[in-house]
Amino acid sequence: MGTSGDRFDKIGVVGCGAVGSFYGAKLCKAGRDVHFLLRSDYDAVRNDGVHIRSADGHFHIRPKAADSPGKIGPCDLVVVALKSTANHRLAELLTPMVGEQTVLLTLQNGLGNEIALAALFPGRPILGGMCFVCLNRIEPGVIHHIAHGKIVLGRHGGPPDEVTEAVAALIRSTDIPVDVSPDLERAHWEKLVWNIPFNGLGVVGAAGLEAVLAGQLDTGQPIGPCLATDALLDNGAWEQLVTELMNEVIATGRALGHNLSPSLGEYQRNRTRVMKAYRASTPIDFERGLPLELDALFCLPLVQAQAAGVETPRLAALCNLLAQLDDERKDSGSDAA
């Protein structure tokens, strides 16, 4: 475990898809002792490390690869980048890696992840990080970094403290920009302003604009390919839907007491245009037959909007369509193992 002079000597990364592999690779490149907990990519990373292909400069690193958490053992910092659909495995995967001095940082999307960690590890420092980054895992052990990378960091259950600042300093040492937020929940809602429209409409767009507008899946209609960000920012009907969803999320965040800027949606749309034809993670999961992060990304925000008395017809229709698509795929037996 780390000393007081360098408290994050040993770092574990759980969930080594695009996000976990990219930020874990940056920490490894900065000279940290980084351990990747891997499943499907274990052989590739053990034999050939991780390759980051980036406009900021390609690089290759060799983290320590493990196929079970017990082989890693207690860490100073555990970075959780699992899909929230795997949160039922948090105790199994994390317990062998969490010691008396371990700090936990979740880079997961949506709401409720820090709460789940705090319930499992009471008394341990729990941090949440919102990753504003454009990434794809293109093959085992190979990550394509397209744009951005900033993390907005906050402390679960209170304002930022010296642990929060220490983790921020650690990440900044990798040349990743970090903003420390005084309000972690506000930061979540700021990220949802992007995640809900681009992840959600990217999936349901495959069912057609009419289905989205009606909030009802036409089961006789073939499902087409999912939509990338450029198709959603079309200066037409799709972009209008993106804008309306963003406005609903902003209104909900504000009703919950978070000071979200009314212009946040425009800012997010403009920064997305530089991504060109970027495919967000949820449409990629859908096309691969993987479970969708319905609860954390869509349903929990809708529940909070309803509790706050905010009218969110577009978000309600989106949740309904995503649930229909997910159920239809499950009924067909096409879910991946």
C-alpha atoms as a PDB file:
ATOM      1  CA  MET A   1       0.000   0.000   0.000  1.00  0.00           C
ATOM      2  CA  GLY A   2       1.090   3.583  -0.609  1.00  0.00           C
ATOM      3  CA  THR A   3       3.037   5.720   1.823  1.00  0.00           C
ATOM      4  CA  SER A   4       1.924   9.108   3.059  1.00  0.00           C
ATOM      5  CA  GLY A   5       4.187  10.683   0.452  1.00  0.00           C
ATOM      6  CA  ASP A   6       2.596   8.779  -2.393  1.00  0.00           C
ATOM      7  CA  ARG A   7      -0.740   7.435  -1.291  1.00  0.00           C
ATOM      8  CA  PHE A   8      -1.690   5.865  -4.632  1.00  0.00           C
ATOM      9  CA  ASP A   9       1.212   3.539  -5.311  1.00  0.00           C
ATOM     10  CA  LYS A  10      -1.014   0.608  -6.290  1.00  0.00           C
ATOM     11  CA  ILE A  11      -4.045   1.171  -8.503  1.00  0.00           C
ATOM     12  CA  GLY A  12      -6.637  -1.381  -9.592  1.00  0.00           C
ATOM     13  CA  VAL A  13      -8.917  -0.905 -12.597  1.00  0.00           C
ATOM     14  CA  VAL A  14     -12.160  -2.895 -12.654  1.00  0.00           C
ATOM     15  CA  GLY A  15     -14.057  -2.703 -15.935  1.00  0.00           C
ATOM     16  CA  CYS A  16     -11.439  -2.469 -18.672  1.00  0.00           C
ATOM     17  CA  GLY A  17     -13.532  -1.427 -21.628  1.00  0.00           C
ATOM     18  CA  ALA A  18     -12.884   1.854 -23.435  1.00  0.00           C
ATOM     19  CA  VAL A  19     -13.074   4.134 -20.372  1.00  0.00           C
ATOM     20  CA  GLY A  20     -11.251   1.923 -17.877  1.00  0.00           C
ATOM     21  CA  SER A  21      -8.523   0.986 -20.330  1.00  0.00           C
ATOM     22  CA  PHE A  22      -7.921   4.576 -21.469  1.00  0.00           C
ATOM     23  CA  TYR A  23      -7.621   6.169 -18.040  1.00  0.00           C
ATOM     24  CA  GLY A  24      -5.832   3.117 -16.629  1.00  0.00           C
ATOM     25  CA  ALA A  25      -3.355   3.303 -19.509  1.00  0.00           C
ATOM     26  CA  LYS A  26      -2.743   6.994 -18.826  1.00  0.00           C
ATOM     27  CA  LEU A  27      -1.974   6.201 -15.175  1.00  0.00           C
ATOM     28  CA  CYS A  28       0.346   3.369 -16.216  1.00  0.00           C
ATOM     29  CA  LYS A  29       2.118   5.621 -18.710  1.00  0.00           C
ATOM     30  CA  ALA A  30       2.688   8.113 -15.861  1.00  0.00           C
ATOM     31  CA  GLY A  31       4.624   5.431 -13.997  1.00  0.00           C
ATOM     32  CA  ARG A  32       1.991   4.102 -11.595  1.00  0.00           C
ATOM     33  CA  ASP A  33       1.684   0.457 -10.560  1.00  0.00           C
ATOM     34  CA  VAL A  34      -1.574  -0.302 -12.375  1.00  0.00           C
ATOM     35  CA  HIS A  35      -3.412  -3.631 -12.268  1.00  0.00           C
ATOM     36  CA  PHE A  36      -6.160  -4.388 -14.803  1.00  0.00           C
ATOM     37  CA  LEU A  37      -8.872  -6.870 -13.798  1.00  0.00           C
ATOM     38  CA  LEU A  38      -9.835  -8.465 -17.099  1.00  0.00           C
ATOM     39  CA  ARG A  39     -12.191 -11.033 -18.486  1.00  0.00           C
ATOM     40  CA  SER A  40     -12.576 -11.208 -22.284  1.00  0.00           C
ATOM     41  CA  ASP A  41      -9.434  -9.149 -22.995  1.00  0.00           C
ATOM     42  CA  TYR A  42      -7.197 -10.944 -20.491  1.00  0.00           C
ATOM     43  CA  ASP A  43      -5.068 -12.890 -22.981  1.00  0.00           C
ATOM     44  CA  ALA A  44      -4.653  -9.928 -25.331  1.00  0.00           C
ATOM     45  CA  VAL A  45      -3.562  -7.520 -22.574  1.00  0.00           C
ATOM     46  CA  ARG A  46      -1.362 -10.061 -20.794  1.00  0.00           C
ATOM     47  CA  ASN A  47       0.457 -10.884 -24.055  1.00  0.00           C
ATOM     48  CA  ASP A  48       0.604  -7.477 -25.753  1.00  0.00           C
ATOM     49  CA  GLY A  49      -0.498  -4.788 -23.308  1.00  0.00           C
ATOM     50  CA  VAL A  50      -2.860  -1.939 -24.187  1.00  0.00           C
ATOM     51  CA  HIS A  51      -2.600   0.174 -27.332  1.00  0.00           C
ATOM     52  CA  ILE A  52      -4.068   3.695 -27.269  1.00  0.00           C
ATOM     53  CA  ARG A  53      -4.612   5.220 -30.705  1.00  0.00           C
ATOM     54  CA  SER A  54      -5.139   8.925 -30.188  1.00  0.00           C
ATOM     55  CA  ALA A  55      -4.962  12.175 -32.115  1.00  0.00           C
ATOM     56  CA  ASP A  56      -2.958  13.397 -29.116  1.00  0.00           C
ATOM     57  CA  GLY A  57      -0.332  10.723 -29.796  1.00  0.00           C
ATOM     58  CA  HIS A  58      -0.390   6.928 -29.892  1.00  0.00           C
ATOM     59  CA  PHE A  59       1.130   4.972 -27.022  1.00  0.00           C
ATOM     60  CA  HIS A  60       1.488   1.414 -25.770  1.00  0.00           C
ATOM     61  CA  ILE A  61       1.667   0.284 -22.144  1.00  0.00           C
ATOM     62  CA  ARG A  62       1.836  -2.978 -20.259  1.00  0.00           C
ATOM     63  CA  PRO A  63      -0.261  -2.914 -17.086  1.00  0.00           C
ATOM     64  CA  LYS A  64      -0.281  -5.908 -14.776  1.00  0.00           C
ATOM     65  CA  ALA A  65      -3.091  -8.156 -16.013  1.00  0.00           C
ATOM     66  CA  ALA A  66      -5.173 -10.347 -13.702  1.00  0.00           C
ATOM     67  CA  ASP A  67      -8.204 -12.532 -14.318  1.00  0.00           C
ATOM     68  CA  SER A  68      -9.419 -12.515 -10.709  1.00  0.00           C
ATOM     69  CA  PRO A  69      -9.505  -9.800  -8.027  1.00  0.00           C
ATOM     70  CA  GLY A  70      -7.761 -12.038  -5.511  1.00  0.00           C
ATOM     71  CA  LYS A  71      -4.663 -12.021  -7.721  1.00  0.00           C
ATOM     72  CA  ILE A  72      -4.507  -8.232  -7.391  1.00  0.00           C
ATOM     73  CA  GLY A  73      -5.279  -7.865  -3.686  1.00  0.00           C
ATOM     74  CA  PRO A  74      -5.778  -4.606  -1.736  1.00  0.00           C
ATOM     75  CA  CYS A  75      -5.060  -1.386  -3.637  1.00  0.00           C
ATOM     76  CA  ASP A  76      -4.593   2.237  -2.658  1.00  0.00           C
ATOM     77  CA  LEU A  77      -7.097   3.290  -5.323  1.00  0.00           C
ATOM     78  CA  VAL A  78      -9.677   1.199  -7.149  1.00  0.00           C
ATOM     79  CA  VAL A  79     -11.092   2.710 -10.343  1.00  0.00           C
ATOM     80  CA  VAL A  80     -14.509   1.251 -11.212  1.00  0.00           C
ATOM     81  CA  ALA A  81     -15.421   1.555 -14.896  1.00  0.00           C
ATOM     82  CA  LEU A  82     -17.912  -1.305 -15.157  1.00  0.00           C
ATOM     83  CA  LYS A  83     -21.217  -0.870 -16.925  1.00  0.00           C
ATOM     84  CA  SER A  84     -23.854  -0.197 -14.281  1.00  0.00           C
ATOM     85  CA  THR A  85     -25.626  -3.354 -15.469  1.00  0.00           C
ATOM     86  CA  ALA A  86     -22.818  -5.273 -13.698  1.00  0.00           C
ATOM     87  CA  ASN A  87     -23.319  -3.563 -10.321  1.00  0.00           C
ATOM     88  CA  HIS A  88     -24.753  -6.782  -8.886  1.00  0.00           C
ATOM     89  CA  ARG A  89     -21.166  -8.109  -9.081  1.00  0.00           C
ATOM     90  CA  LEU A  90     -19.528  -5.220  -7.216  1.00  0.00           C
ATOM     91  CA  ALA A  91     -19.090  -7.125  -3.946  1.00  0.00           C
ATOM     92  CA  GLU A  92     -17.606 -10.149  -5.693  1.00  0.00           C
ATOM     93  CA  LEU A  93     -15.190  -8.139  -7.833  1.00  0.00           C
ATOM     94  CA  LEU A  94     -14.135  -5.393  -5.427  1.00  0.00           C
ATOM     95  CA  THR A  95     -13.969  -6.917  -1.945  1.00  0.00           C
ATOM     96  CA  PRO A  96     -10.554  -8.616  -2.448  1.00  0.00           C
ATOM     97  CA  MET A  97      -9.152  -5.302  -3.725  1.00  0.00           C
ATOM     98  CA  VAL A  98     -10.458  -3.031  -0.960  1.00  0.00           C
ATOM     99  CA  GLY A  99      -8.353  -2.660   2.183  1.00  0.00           C
ATOM    100  CA  GLU A 100      -8.520  -0.340   5.169  1.00  0.00           C
ATOM    101  CA  GLN A 101      -6.926   2.568   3.265  1.00  0.00           C
ATOM    102  CA  THR A 102      -8.509   2.041  -0.177  1.00  0.00           C
ATOM    103  CA  VAL A 103     -10.153   4.941  -2.005  1.00  0.00           C
ATOM    104  CA  LEU A 104     -12.845   4.051  -4.565  1.00  0.00           C
ATOM    105  CA  LEU A 105     -13.436   6.088  -7.715  1.00  0.00           C
ATOM    106  CA  THR A 106     -16.352   5.227  -9.994  1.00  0.00           C
ATOM    107  CA  LEU A 107     -16.234   6.428 -13.598  1.00  0.00           C
ATOM    108  CA  GLN A 108     -19.601   4.837 -14.383  1.00  0.00           C
ATOM    109  CA  ASN A 109     -22.440   6.585 -16.174  1.00  0.00           C
ATOM    110  CA  GLY A 110     -25.735   7.577 -14.624  1.00  0.00           C
ATOM    111  CA  LEU A 111     -27.155   7.747 -11.122  1.00  0.00           C
ATOM    112  CA  GLY A 112     -26.847   5.481  -8.091  1.00  0.00           C
ATOM    113  CA  ASN A 113     -23.358   4.043  -8.547  1.00  0.00           C
ATOM    114  CA  GLU A 114     -21.718   5.832  -5.606  1.00  0.00           C
ATOM    115  CA  ILE A 115     -24.660   4.838  -3.402  1.00  0.00           C
ATOM    116  CA  ALA A 116     -24.115   1.183  -4.306  1.00  0.00           C
ATOM    117  CA  LEU A 117     -20.411   1.409  -3.462  1.00  0.00           C
ATOM    118  CA  ALA A 118     -21.033   3.224  -0.182  1.00  0.00           C
ATOM    119  CA  ALA A 119     -23.491   0.520   0.888  1.00  0.00           C
ATOM    120  CA  LEU A 120     -20.873  -2.167   0.248  1.00  0.00           C
ATOM    121  CA  PHE A 121     -17.918  -0.307   1.764  1.00  0.00           C
ATOM    122  CA  PRO A 122     -19.179   1.995   4.534  1.00  0.00           C
ATOM    123  CA  GLY A 123     -16.560   4.380   5.792  1.00  0.00           C
ATOM    124  CA  ARG A 124     -14.383   4.149   2.693  1.00  0.00           C
ATOM    125  CA  PRO A 125     -13.917   7.355   0.650  1.00  0.00           C
ATOM    126  CA  ILE A 126     -16.160   7.158  -2.442  1.00  0.00           C
ATOM    127  CA  LEU A 127     -15.546   9.523  -5.361  1.00  0.00           C
ATOM    128  CA  GLY A 128     -17.464   9.930  -8.604  1.00  0.00           C
ATOM    129  CA  GLY A 129     -15.910  11.013 -11.877  1.00  0.00           C
ATOM    130  CA  MET A 130     -17.783  12.162 -14.981  1.00  0.00           C
ATOM    131  CA  CYS A 131     -15.679  11.484 -18.075  1.00  0.00           C
ATOM    132  CA  PHE A 132     -16.225  13.944 -20.911  1.00  0.00           C
ATOM    133  CA  VAL A 133     -14.390  11.879 -23.499  1.00  0.00           C
ATOM    134  CA  CYS A 134     -14.910  10.375 -26.944  1.00  0.00           C
ATOM    135  CA  LEU A 135     -13.614   6.780 -26.972  1.00  0.00           C
ATOM    136  CA  ASN A 136     -14.252   3.375 -28.502  1.00  0.00           C
ATOM    137  CA  ARG A 137     -12.739  -0.053 -27.824  1.00  0.00           C
ATOM    138  CA  ILE A 138     -12.089  -1.266 -31.375  1.00  0.00           C
ATOM    139  CA  GLU A 139     -10.582  -4.659 -30.555  1.00  0.00           C
ATOM    140  CA  PRO A 140      -9.215  -6.469 -27.475  1.00  0.00           C
ATOM    141  CA  GLY A 141      -6.598  -4.262 -25.843  1.00  0.00           C
ATOM    142  CA  VAL A 142      -6.970  -1.478 -28.454  1.00  0.00           C
ATOM    143  CA  ILE A 143      -8.697   1.830 -27.648  1.00  0.00           C
ATOM    144  CA  HIS A 144      -9.405   4.619 -30.134  1.00  0.00           C
ATOM    145  CA  HIS A 145      -9.352   8.021 -28.416  1.00  0.00           C
ATOM    146  CA  ILE A 146     -11.155  10.464 -30.707  1.00  0.00           C
ATOM    147  CA  ALA A 147     -11.522  13.660 -28.673  1.00  0.00           C
ATOM    148  CA  HIS A 148     -11.740  15.259 -25.224  1.00  0.00           C
ATOM    149  CA  GLY A 149     -10.878  13.529 -21.932  1.00  0.00           C
ATOM    150  CA  LYS A 150     -11.646  15.869 -19.022  1.00  0.00           C
ATOM    151  CA  ILE A 151     -12.944  14.367 -15.773  1.00  0.00           C
ATOM    152  CA  VAL A 152     -15.261  16.241 -13.400  1.00  0.00           C
ATOM    153  CA  LEU A 153     -14.618  14.812  -9.942  1.00  0.00           C
ATOM    154  CA  GLY A 154     -16.642  14.955  -6.745  1.00  0.00           C
ATOM    155  CA  ARG A 155     -16.899  13.370  -3.293  1.00  0.00           C
ATOM    156  CA  HIS A 156     -19.918  11.234  -2.470  1.00  0.00           C
ATOM    157  CA  GLY A 157     -21.731  12.328   0.665  1.00  0.00           C
ATOM    158  CA  GLY A 158     -20.055  15.687   1.129  1.00  0.00           C
ATOM    159  CA  PRO A 159     -17.934  18.489  -0.309  1.00  0.00           C
ATOM    160  CA  PRO A 160     -14.467  17.897  -1.784  1.00  0.00           C
ATOM    161  CA  ASP A 161     -11.773  17.107   0.770  1.00  0.00           C
ATOM    162  CA  GLU A 162      -8.062  16.337   0.771  1.00  0.00           C
ATOM    163  CA  VAL A 163      -8.710  12.825  -0.612  1.00  0.00           C
ATOM    164  CA  THR A 164     -10.641  14.345  -3.510  1.00  0.00           C
ATOM    165  CA  GLU A 165      -7.824  16.788  -4.211  1.00  0.00           C
ATOM    166  CA  ALA A 166      -5.235  13.993  -4.012  1.00  0.00           C
ATOM    167  CA  VAL A 167      -7.091  11.920  -6.613  1.00  0.00           C
ATOM    168  CA  ALA A 168      -7.501  15.004  -8.805  1.00  0.00           C
ATOM    169  CA  ALA A 169      -3.736  15.641  -8.585  1.00  0.00           C
ATOM    170  CA  LEU A 170      -3.048  12.017  -9.474  1.00  0.00           C
ATOM    171  CA  ILE A 171      -5.193  12.200 -12.612  1.00  0.00           C
ATOM    172  CA  ARG A 172      -3.762  15.576 -13.606  1.00  0.00           C
ATOM    173  CA  SER A 173      -0.292  14.008 -13.458  1.00  0.00           C
ATOM    174  CA  THR A 174      -1.329  11.986 -16.532  1.00  0.00           C
ATOM    175  CA  ASP A 175      -2.100  15.214 -18.500  1.00  0.00           C
ATOM    176  CA  ILE A 176      -5.858  14.623 -18.162  1.00  0.00           C
ATOM    177  CA  PRO A 177      -7.689  17.834 -17.154  1.00  0.00           C
ATOM    178  CA  VAL A 178      -9.712  17.552 -13.931  1.00  0.00           C
ATOM    179  CA  ASP A 179     -12.346  19.882 -12.530  1.00  0.00           C
ATOM    180  CA  VAL A 180     -13.285  19.312  -8.885  1.00  0.00           C
ATOM    181  CA  SER A 181     -17.004  19.880  -8.396  1.00  0.00           C
ATOM    182  CA  PRO A 182     -18.372  21.106  -5.053  1.00  0.00           C
ATOM    183  CA  ASP A 183     -21.592  19.184  -5.852  1.00  0.00           C
ATOM    184  CA  LEU A 184     -21.234  15.647  -7.211  1.00  0.00           C
ATOM    185  CA  GLU A 185     -24.954  15.278  -7.900  1.00  0.00           C
ATOM    186  CA  ARG A 186     -24.977  18.460  -9.988  1.00  0.00           C
ATOM    187  CA  ALA A 187     -22.066  17.075 -11.993  1.00  0.00           C
ATOM    188  CA  HIS A 188     -24.083  13.914 -12.639  1.00  0.00           C
ATOM    189  CA  TRP A 189     -26.975  15.926 -14.042  1.00  0.00           C
ATOM    190  CA  GLU A 190     -24.611  17.959 -16.212  1.00  0.00           C
ATOM    191  CA  LYS A 191     -23.333  14.704 -17.707  1.00  0.00           C
ATOM    192  CA  LEU A 192     -26.870  13.349 -18.140  1.00  0.00           C
ATOM    193  CA  VAL A 193     -27.618  16.351 -20.364  1.00  0.00           C
ATOM    194  CA  TRP A 194     -25.305  14.655 -22.900  1.00  0.00           C
ATOM    195  CA  ASN A 195     -25.765  10.996 -22.030  1.00  0.00           C
ATOM    196  CA  ILE A 196     -29.543  10.766 -22.169  1.00  0.00           C
ATOM    197  CA  PRO A 197     -30.099  12.125 -25.704  1.00  0.00           C
ATOM    198  CA  PHE A 198     -27.029  10.751 -27.464  1.00  0.00           C
ATOM    199  CA  ASN A 199     -27.032   7.316 -25.837  1.00  0.00           C
ATOM    200  CA  GLY A 200     -30.812   6.949 -25.833  1.00  0.00           C
ATOM    201  CA  LEU A 201     -31.711   8.369 -29.246  1.00  0.00           C
ATOM    202  CA  GLY A 202     -28.723   6.594 -30.748  1.00  0.00           C
ATOM    203  CA  VAL A 203     -30.470   3.309 -29.892  1.00  0.00           C
ATOM    204  CA  VAL A 204     -34.135   4.122 -30.537  1.00  0.00           C
ATOM    205  CA  GLY A 205     -33.274   5.992 -33.714  1.00  0.00           C
ATOM    206  CA  ALA A 206     -32.890   2.566 -35.267  1.00  0.00           C
ATOM    207  CA  ALA A 207     -36.667   2.163 -34.888  1.00  0.00           C
ATOM    208  CA  GLY A 208     -37.334   5.346 -36.858  1.00  0.00           C
ATOM    209  CA  LEU A 209     -38.300   8.923 -36.091  1.00  0.00           C
ATOM    210  CA  GLU A 210     -42.024   8.160 -36.079  1.00  0.00           C
ATOM    211  CA  ALA A 211     -41.583   5.585 -33.300  1.00  0.00           C
ATOM    212  CA  VAL A 212     -39.628   8.075 -31.217  1.00  0.00           C
ATOM    213  CA  LEU A 213     -42.242  10.789 -31.673  1.00  0.00           C
ATOM    214  CA  ALA A 214     -45.070   8.383 -30.829  1.00  0.00           C
ATOM    215  CA  GLY A 215     -43.215   6.789 -27.924  1.00  0.00           C
ATOM    216  CA  GLN A 216     -44.328   3.403 -29.210  1.00  0.00           C
ATOM    217  CA  LEU A 217     -42.368   0.729 -31.068  1.00  0.00           C
ATOM    218  CA  ASP A 218     -43.883  -0.445 -34.349  1.00  0.00           C
ATOM    219  CA  THR A 219     -43.256  -4.162 -33.995  1.00  0.00           C
ATOM    220  CA  GLY A 220     -43.886  -4.731 -37.685  1.00  0.00           C
ATOM    221  CA  GLN A 221     -41.109  -2.338 -38.663  1.00  0.00           C
ATOM    222  CA  PRO A 222     -37.569  -3.698 -39.155  1.00  0.00           C
ATOM    223  CA  ILE A 223     -34.983  -2.216 -36.792  1.00  0.00           C
ATOM    224  CA  GLY A 224     -32.242  -0.398 -38.637  1.00  0.00           C
ATOM    225  CA  PRO A 225     -28.705   0.544 -37.606  1.00  0.00           C
ATOM    226  CA  CYS A 226     -28.203   2.735 -34.559  1.00  0.00           C
ATOM    227  CA  LEU A 227     -27.478   6.418 -35.068  1.00  0.00           C
ATOM    228  CA  ALA A 228     -24.179   8.226 -34.540  1.00  0.00           C
ATOM    229  CA  THR A 229     -23.924  11.740 -33.145  1.00  0.00           C
ATOM    230  CA  ASP A 230     -23.692  13.426 -36.561  1.00  0.00           C
ATOM    231  CA  ALA A 231     -27.023  11.901 -37.629  1.00  0.00           C
ATOM    232  CA  LEU A 232     -28.644  13.194 -34.440  1.00  0.00           C
ATOM    233  CA  LEU A 233     -27.232  16.712 -34.962  1.00  0.00           C
ATOM    234  CA  ASP A 234     -28.878  17.047 -38.362  1.00  0.00           C
ATOM    235  CA  ASN A 235     -30.250  20.593 -38.006  1.00  0.00           C
ATOM    236  CA  GLY A 236     -33.666  18.961 -38.358  1.00  0.00           C
ATOM    237  CA  ALA A 237     -36.122  16.748 -36.492  1.00  0.00           C
ATOM    238  CA  TRP A 238     -33.509  14.617 -34.725  1.00  0.00           C
ATOM    239  CA  GLU A 239     -31.637  17.637 -33.411  1.00  0.00           C
ATOM    240  CA  GLN A 240     -34.932  19.091 -32.216  1.00  0.00           C
ATOM    241  CA  LEU A 241     -35.486  15.921 -30.183  1.00  0.00           C
ATOM    242  CA  VAL A 242     -31.952  16.128 -28.793  1.00  0.00           C
ATOM    243  CA  THR A 243     -32.621  19.730 -27.771  1.00  0.00           C
ATOM    244  CA  GLU A 244     -35.978  18.921 -26.148  1.00  0.00           C
ATOM    245  CA  LEU A 245     -34.479  16.048 -24.146  1.00  0.00           C
ATOM    246  CA  MET A 246     -31.594  18.227 -23.002  1.00  0.00           C
ATOM    247  CA  ASN A 247     -34.022  20.921 -21.889  1.00  0.00           C
ATOM    248  CA  GLU A 248     -36.025  18.370 -19.874  1.00  0.00           C
ATOM    249  CA  VAL A 249     -32.883  17.110 -18.141  1.00  0.00           C
ATOM    250  CA  ILE A 250     -31.743  20.665 -17.377  1.00  0.00           C
ATOM    251  CA  ALA A 251     -35.186  21.537 -15.988  1.00  0.00           C
ATOM    252  CA  THR A 252     -35.106  18.432 -13.777  1.00  0.00           C
ATOM    253  CA  GLY A 253     -31.631  19.210 -12.461  1.00  0.00           C
ATOM    254  CA  ARG A 254     -32.667  22.753 -11.647  1.00  0.00           C
ATOM    255  CA  ALA A 255     -35.853  21.548  -9.913  1.00  0.00           C
ATOM    256  CA  LEU A 256     -33.670  19.287  -7.759  1.00  0.00           C
ATOM    257  CA  GLY A 257     -31.673  22.324  -6.634  1.00  0.00           C
ATOM    258  CA  HIS A 258     -28.694  22.115  -8.982  1.00  0.00           C
ATOM    259  CA  ASN A 259     -27.692  25.350 -10.669  1.00  0.00           C
ATOM    260  CA  LEU A 260     -27.510  24.073 -14.250  1.00  0.00           C
ATOM    261  CA  SER A 261     -27.028  26.752 -16.889  1.00  0.00           C
ATOM    262  CA  PRO A 262     -29.955  27.073 -19.334  1.00  0.00           C
ATOM    263  CA  SER A 263     -27.332  27.249 -22.116  1.00  0.00           C
ATOM    264  CA  LEU A 264     -25.731  23.926 -21.125  1.00  0.00           C
ATOM    265  CA  GLY A 265     -27.575  22.050 -23.872  1.00  0.00           C
ATOM    266  CA  GLU A 266     -26.262  24.345 -26.599  1.00  0.00           C
ATOM    267  CA  TYR A 267     -22.742  23.997 -25.208  1.00  0.00           C
ATOM    268  CA  GLN A 268     -23.010  20.196 -25.211  1.00  0.00           C
ATOM    269  CA  ARG A 269     -24.360  20.093 -28.767  1.00  0.00           C
ATOM    270  CA  ASN A 270     -21.569  22.332 -30.030  1.00  0.00           C
ATOM    271  CA  ARG A 271     -18.811  20.290 -28.389  1.00  0.00           C
ATOM    272  CA  THR A 272     -20.351  17.124 -29.835  1.00  0.00           C
ATOM    273  CA  ARG A 273     -20.162  18.355 -33.413  1.00  0.00           C
ATOM    274  CA  VAL A 274     -16.363  18.012 -33.380  1.00  0.00           C
ATOM    275  CA  MET A 275     -16.792  14.267 -32.710  1.00  0.00           C
ATOM    276  CA  LYS A 276     -18.194  13.797 -36.248  1.00  0.00           C
ATOM    277  CA  ALA A 277     -19.842  10.338 -36.568  1.00  0.00           C
ATOM    278  CA  TYR A 278     -19.222   9.206 -32.988  1.00  0.00           C
ATOM    279  CA  ARG A 279     -21.127   6.158 -31.768  1.00  0.00           C
ATOM    280  CA  ALA A 280     -21.939   6.366 -28.075  1.00  0.00           C
ATOM    281  CA  SER A 281     -21.587   3.370 -25.763  1.00  0.00           C
ATOM    282  CA  THR A 282     -25.276   2.433 -25.418  1.00  0.00           C
ATOM    283  CA  PRO A 283     -25.921   2.052 -29.177  1.00  0.00           C
ATOM    284  CA  ILE A 284     -22.739  -0.043 -29.420  1.00  0.00           C
ATOM    285  CA  ASP A 285     -23.951  -2.236 -26.524  1.00  0.00           C
ATOM    286  CA  PHE A 286     -27.341  -2.630 -28.190  1.00  0.00           C
ATOM    287  CA  GLU A 287     -25.848  -3.738 -31.505  1.00  0.00           C
ATOM    288  CA  ARG A 288     -23.602  -6.212 -29.672  1.00  0.00           C
ATOM    289  CA  GLY A 289     -26.568  -7.719 -27.837  1.00  0.00           C
ATOM    290  CA  LEU A 290     -25.391  -6.486 -24.442  1.00  0.00           C
ATOM    291  CA  PRO A 291     -27.737  -5.335 -21.651  1.00  0.00           C
ATOM    292  CA  LEU A 292     -28.629  -1.636 -21.732  1.00  0.00           C
ATOM    293  CA  GLU A 293     -27.933   0.656 -18.762  1.00  0.00           C
ATOM    294  CA  LEU A 294     -31.632   1.455 -18.493  1.00  0.00           C
ATOM    295  CA  ASP A 295     -31.876   2.121 -14.763  1.00  0.00           C
ATOM    296  CA  ALA A 296     -28.808   4.280 -14.142  1.00  0.00           C
ATOM    297  CA  LEU A 297     -28.956   6.306 -17.352  1.00  0.00           C
ATOM    298  CA  PHE A 298     -32.669   6.674 -18.058  1.00  0.00           C
ATOM    299  CA  CYS A 299     -35.152   5.258 -15.541  1.00  0.00           C
ATOM    300  CA  LEU A 300     -33.680   6.731 -12.340  1.00  0.00           C
ATOM    301  CA  PRO A 301     -33.475  10.231 -13.883  1.00  0.00           C
ATOM    302  CA  LEU A 302     -37.124   9.868 -14.982  1.00  0.00           C
ATOM    303  CA  VAL A 303     -38.167   8.801 -11.468  1.00  0.00           C
ATOM    304  CA  GLN A 304     -36.410  11.844 -10.006  1.00  0.00           C
ATOM    305  CA  ALA A 305     -38.054  14.131 -12.592  1.00  0.00           C
ATOM    306  CA  GLN A 306     -41.486  12.767 -11.691  1.00  0.00           C
ATOM    307  CA  ALA A 307     -40.781  13.153  -7.967  1.00  0.00           C
ATOM    308  CA  ALA A 308     -39.767  16.775  -8.574  1.00  0.00           C
ATOM    309  CA  GLY A 309     -42.955  17.441 -10.545  1.00  0.00           C
ATOM    310  CA  VAL A 310     -41.144  18.179 -13.821  1.00  0.00           C
ATOM    311  CA  GLU A 311     -42.940  17.389 -17.069  1.00  0.00           C
ATOM    312  CA  THR A 312     -40.633  15.205 -19.160  1.00  0.00           C
ATOM    313  CA  PRO A 313     -42.687  13.732 -22.025  1.00  0.00           C
ATOM    314  CA  ARG A 314     -39.668  13.119 -24.261  1.00  0.00           C
ATOM    315  CA  LEU A 315     -37.721  11.343 -21.511  1.00  0.00           C
ATOM    316  CA  ALA A 316     -40.765   9.223 -20.606  1.00  0.00           C
ATOM    317  CA  ALA A 317     -41.232   8.220 -24.259  1.00  0.00           C
ATOM    318  CA  LEU A 318     -37.524   7.443 -24.581  1.00  0.00           C
ATOM    319  CA  CYS A 319     -37.557   5.201 -21.493  1.00  0.00           C
ATOM    320  CA  ASN A 320     -40.629   3.408 -22.818  1.00  0.00           C
ATOM    321  CA  LEU A 321     -39.055   2.772 -26.216  1.00  0.00           C
ATOM    322  CA  LEU A 322     -35.743   1.597 -24.779  1.00  0.00           C
ATOM    323  CA  ALA A 323     -37.571  -0.838 -22.492  1.00  0.00           C
ATOM    324  CA  GLN A 324     -39.574  -2.163 -25.448  1.00  0.00           C
ATOM    325  CA  LEU A 325     -36.453  -2.662 -27.555  1.00  0.00           C
ATOM    326  CA  ASP A 326     -34.630  -4.348 -24.682  1.00  0.00           C
ATOM    327  CA  ASP A 327     -37.587  -6.646 -23.945  1.00  0.00           C
ATOM    328  CA  GLU A 328     -38.038  -7.541 -27.603  1.00  0.00           C
ATOM    329  CA  ARG A 329     -34.374  -8.510 -27.896  1.00  0.00           C
ATOM    330  CA  LYS A 330     -34.563 -10.601 -24.709  1.00  0.00           C
ATOM    331  CA  ASP A 331     -37.676 -12.358 -26.028  1.00  0.00           C
ATOM    332  CA  SER A 332     -35.793 -13.199 -29.215  1.00  0.00           C
ATOM    333  CA  GLY A 333     -32.981 -14.734 -27.146  1.00  0.00           C
ATOM    334  CA  SER A 334     -30.348 -12.459 -28.717  1.00  0.00           C
ATOM    335  CA  ASP A 335     -28.758 -11.175 -25.494  1.00  0.00           C
ATOM    336  CA  ALA A 336     -25.057 -11.961 -25.282  1.00  0.00           C
ATOM    337  CA  ALA A 337     -23.901 -14.173 -22.452  1.00  0.00           C
END
